[in-house]
Amino acid sequence: MRILKILVAVAAVGSLAGCMANDTERALAGAVGGAVVADVLDTNVIAGAAVGATAGALCDDVGFCR
């Protein structure tokens, strides 16, 4: 059940990332998604948000969310 929640959260954030207009919006969506995933995994939420924000901000630069 935990894996299903993680997959749903990742899919939701991934689908939102394509709709975001700039790096700030993608970073915010990534931070929220990272915090949710970290909470589901019962790990550090702040670290999850930081990783998610970084991934969201950089996804356009690497061509993942164009």
N, C-alpha and C. Protein backbone atom coordinates (compact mmCIF):
# COMPACT_ATOMS: atom_id res chain seq x y z
N MET A 1 0.83 -1.20 0.00
CA MET A 1 0.00 0.00 0.00
C MET A 1 0.87 1.25 0.00
N ARG A 2 1.99 1.20 0.70
CA ARG A 2 2.89 2.36 0.76
C ARG A 2 3.45 2.67 -0.61
N ILE A 3 3.80 1.64 -1.38
CA ILE A 3 4.34 1.84 -2.72
C ILE A 3 3.29 2.49 -3.62
N LEU A 4 2.04 2.09 -3.48
CA LEU A 4 0.98 2.68 -4.28
C LEU A 4 0.85 4.18 -4.00
N LYS A 5 0.92 4.57 -2.74
CA LYS A 5 0.85 5.99 -2.39
C LYS A 5 2.01 6.76 -2.99
N ILE A 6 3.18 6.16 -2.96
CA ILE A 6 4.37 6.82 -3.52
C ILE A 6 4.21 6.98 -5.02
N LEU A 7 3.76 5.94 -5.69
CA LEU A 7 3.60 6.02 -7.14
C LEU A 7 2.55 7.06 -7.53
N VAL A 8 1.47 7.14 -6.77
CA VAL A 8 0.44 8.14 -7.06
C VAL A 8 1.00 9.54 -6.86
N ALA A 9 1.75 9.75 -5.78
CA ALA A 9 2.33 11.07 -5.53
C ALA A 9 3.33 11.45 -6.61
N VAL A 10 4.16 10.53 -7.02
CA VAL A 10 5.15 10.81 -8.06
C VAL A 10 4.46 11.09 -9.39
N ALA A 11 3.43 10.33 -9.70
CA ALA A 11 2.70 10.56 -10.95
C ALA A 11 2.01 11.91 -10.95
N ALA A 12 1.44 12.28 -9.80
CA ALA A 12 0.75 13.58 -9.71
C ALA A 12 1.73 14.73 -9.88
N VAL A 13 2.85 14.65 -9.21
CA VAL A 13 3.85 15.72 -9.32
C VAL A 13 4.45 15.73 -10.72
N GLY A 14 4.69 14.57 -11.28
CA GLY A 14 5.23 14.50 -12.63
C GLY A 14 4.31 15.10 -13.67
N SER A 15 3.02 14.84 -13.50
CA SER A 15 2.08 15.41 -14.46
C SER A 15 1.94 16.92 -14.28
N LEU A 16 2.05 17.39 -13.07
CA LEU A 16 2.00 18.83 -12.82
C LEU A 16 3.25 19.54 -13.31
N ALA A 17 4.37 18.87 -13.27
CA ALA A 17 5.64 19.50 -13.64
C ALA A 17 5.62 19.96 -15.09
N GLY A 18 4.96 19.24 -15.95
CA GLY A 18 4.89 19.64 -17.35
C GLY A 18 4.05 20.88 -17.56
N CYS A 19 3.14 21.15 -16.64
CA CYS A 19 2.24 22.30 -16.79
C CYS A 19 2.83 23.58 -16.20
N MET A 20 3.89 23.46 -15.49
CA MET A 20 4.47 24.62 -14.83
C MET A 20 5.21 25.49 -15.84
N ALA A 21 5.12 26.80 -15.66
CA ALA A 21 5.68 27.74 -16.63
C ALA A 21 7.15 28.08 -16.38
N ASN A 22 7.59 28.00 -15.13
CA ASN A 22 8.98 28.39 -14.86
C ASN A 22 9.58 27.50 -13.78
N ASP A 23 10.87 27.68 -13.54
CA ASP A 23 11.58 26.84 -12.58
C ASP A 23 11.04 26.99 -11.16
N THR A 24 10.59 28.18 -10.80
CA THR A 24 10.07 28.39 -9.45
C THR A 24 8.82 27.55 -9.20
N GLU A 25 7.91 27.53 -10.16
CA GLU A 25 6.69 26.74 -10.00
C GLU A 25 7.01 25.25 -9.97
N ARG A 26 7.94 24.81 -10.80
CA ARG A 26 8.32 23.39 -10.79
C ARG A 26 9.03 23.04 -9.49
N ALA A 27 9.84 23.94 -8.96
CA ALA A 27 10.52 23.69 -7.69
C ALA A 27 9.51 23.58 -6.55
N LEU A 28 8.49 24.43 -6.56
CA LEU A 28 7.46 24.37 -5.52
C LEU A 28 6.70 23.05 -5.59
N ALA A 29 6.31 22.64 -6.80
CA ALA A 29 5.61 21.37 -6.95
C ALA A 29 6.50 20.21 -6.54
N GLY A 30 7.78 20.28 -6.88
CA GLY A 30 8.72 19.24 -6.48
C GLY A 30 8.92 19.18 -4.98
N ALA A 31 8.95 20.33 -4.34
CA ALA A 31 9.11 20.37 -2.89
C ALA A 31 7.91 19.73 -2.20
N VAL A 32 6.73 20.03 -2.68
CA VAL A 32 5.52 19.43 -2.09
C VAL A 32 5.53 17.92 -2.32
N GLY A 33 5.84 17.52 -3.54
CA GLY A 33 5.89 16.08 -3.83
C GLY A 33 6.95 15.36 -3.02
N GLY A 34 8.12 15.97 -2.90
CA GLY A 34 9.19 15.36 -2.12
C GLY A 34 8.84 15.24 -0.65
N ALA A 35 8.16 16.25 -0.12
CA ALA A 35 7.74 16.20 1.28
C ALA A 35 6.69 15.11 1.50
N VAL A 36 5.77 14.97 0.57
CA VAL A 36 4.73 13.93 0.69
C VAL A 36 5.35 12.55 0.64
N VAL A 37 6.24 12.33 -0.32
CA VAL A 37 6.90 11.03 -0.43
C VAL A 37 7.72 10.73 0.82
N ALA A 38 8.44 11.71 1.33
CA ALA A 38 9.25 11.51 2.53
C ALA A 38 8.35 11.19 3.73
N ASP A 39 7.21 11.84 3.81
CA ASP A 39 6.28 11.56 4.91
C ASP A 39 5.72 10.15 4.81
N VAL A 40 5.37 9.72 3.61
CA VAL A 40 4.86 8.36 3.42
C VAL A 40 5.92 7.33 3.78
N LEU A 41 7.18 7.63 3.44
CA LEU A 41 8.27 6.71 3.75
C LEU A 41 8.76 6.84 5.19
N ASP A 42 8.19 7.79 5.92
CA ASP A 42 8.55 8.04 7.31
C ASP A 42 10.04 8.38 7.44
N THR A 43 10.47 9.30 6.56
CA THR A 43 11.84 9.81 6.61
C THR A 43 11.80 11.32 6.81
N ASN A 44 12.92 11.97 6.69
CA ASN A 44 13.03 13.40 6.94
C ASN A 44 12.27 14.20 5.87
N VAL A 45 11.21 14.88 6.27
CA VAL A 45 10.36 15.62 5.35
C VAL A 45 11.10 16.82 4.76
N ILE A 46 11.92 17.48 5.56
CA ILE A 46 12.67 18.64 5.06
C ILE A 46 13.65 18.22 3.97
N ALA A 47 14.33 17.12 4.18
CA ALA A 47 15.26 16.62 3.16
C ALA A 47 14.50 16.20 1.91
N GLY A 48 13.35 15.58 2.08
CA GLY A 48 12.53 15.20 0.92
C GLY A 48 12.08 16.40 0.14
N ALA A 49 11.68 17.45 0.84
CA ALA A 49 11.26 18.68 0.17
C ALA A 49 12.43 19.32 -0.58
N ALA A 50 13.61 19.29 0.03
CA ALA A 50 14.79 19.87 -0.62
C ALA A 50 15.16 19.10 -1.89
N VAL A 51 15.11 17.79 -1.81
CA VAL A 51 15.42 16.97 -3.00
C VAL A 51 14.36 17.18 -4.08
N GLY A 52 13.09 17.23 -3.67
CA GLY A 52 12.02 17.45 -4.63
C GLY A 52 12.12 18.81 -5.29
N ALA A 53 12.44 19.83 -4.52
CA ALA A 53 12.58 21.17 -5.08
C ALA A 53 13.73 21.23 -6.07
N THR A 54 14.83 20.59 -5.75
CA THR A 54 15.97 20.56 -6.65
C THR A 54 15.62 19.84 -7.95
N ALA A 55 14.96 18.70 -7.81
CA ALA A 55 14.56 17.94 -9.00
C ALA A 55 13.57 18.74 -9.84
N GLY A 56 12.63 19.41 -9.20
CA GLY A 56 11.66 20.20 -9.94
C GLY A 56 12.30 21.36 -10.68
N ALA A 57 13.23 22.01 -10.03
CA ALA A 57 13.88 23.17 -10.66
C ALA A 57 14.79 22.75 -11.81
N LEU A 58 15.38 21.58 -11.72
CA LEU A 58 16.34 21.16 -12.73
C LEU A 58 15.76 20.26 -13.81
N CYS A 59 14.51 19.82 -13.66
CA CYS A 59 13.96 18.86 -14.62
C CYS A 59 13.89 19.45 -16.03
N ASP A 60 13.62 20.73 -16.15
CA ASP A 60 13.56 21.36 -17.47
C ASP A 60 14.96 21.47 -18.08
N ASP A 61 15.95 21.70 -17.24
CA ASP A 61 17.32 21.87 -17.73
C ASP A 61 17.89 20.58 -18.32
N VAL A 62 17.45 19.44 -17.79
CA VAL A 62 17.94 18.16 -18.30
C VAL A 62 17.01 17.57 -19.36
N GLY A 63 15.92 18.28 -19.67
CA GLY A 63 15.01 17.85 -20.73
C GLY A 63 13.98 16.83 -20.31
N PHE A 64 13.77 16.66 -19.01
CA PHE A 64 12.81 15.65 -18.53
C PHE A 64 11.37 16.13 -18.61
N CYS A 65 11.12 17.39 -18.34
CA CYS A 65 9.73 17.87 -18.25
C CYS A 65 9.45 18.99 -19.25
N ARG A 66 9.77 18.75 -20.48
CA ARG A 66 9.52 19.77 -21.51
C ARG A 66 8.17 19.61 -22.11
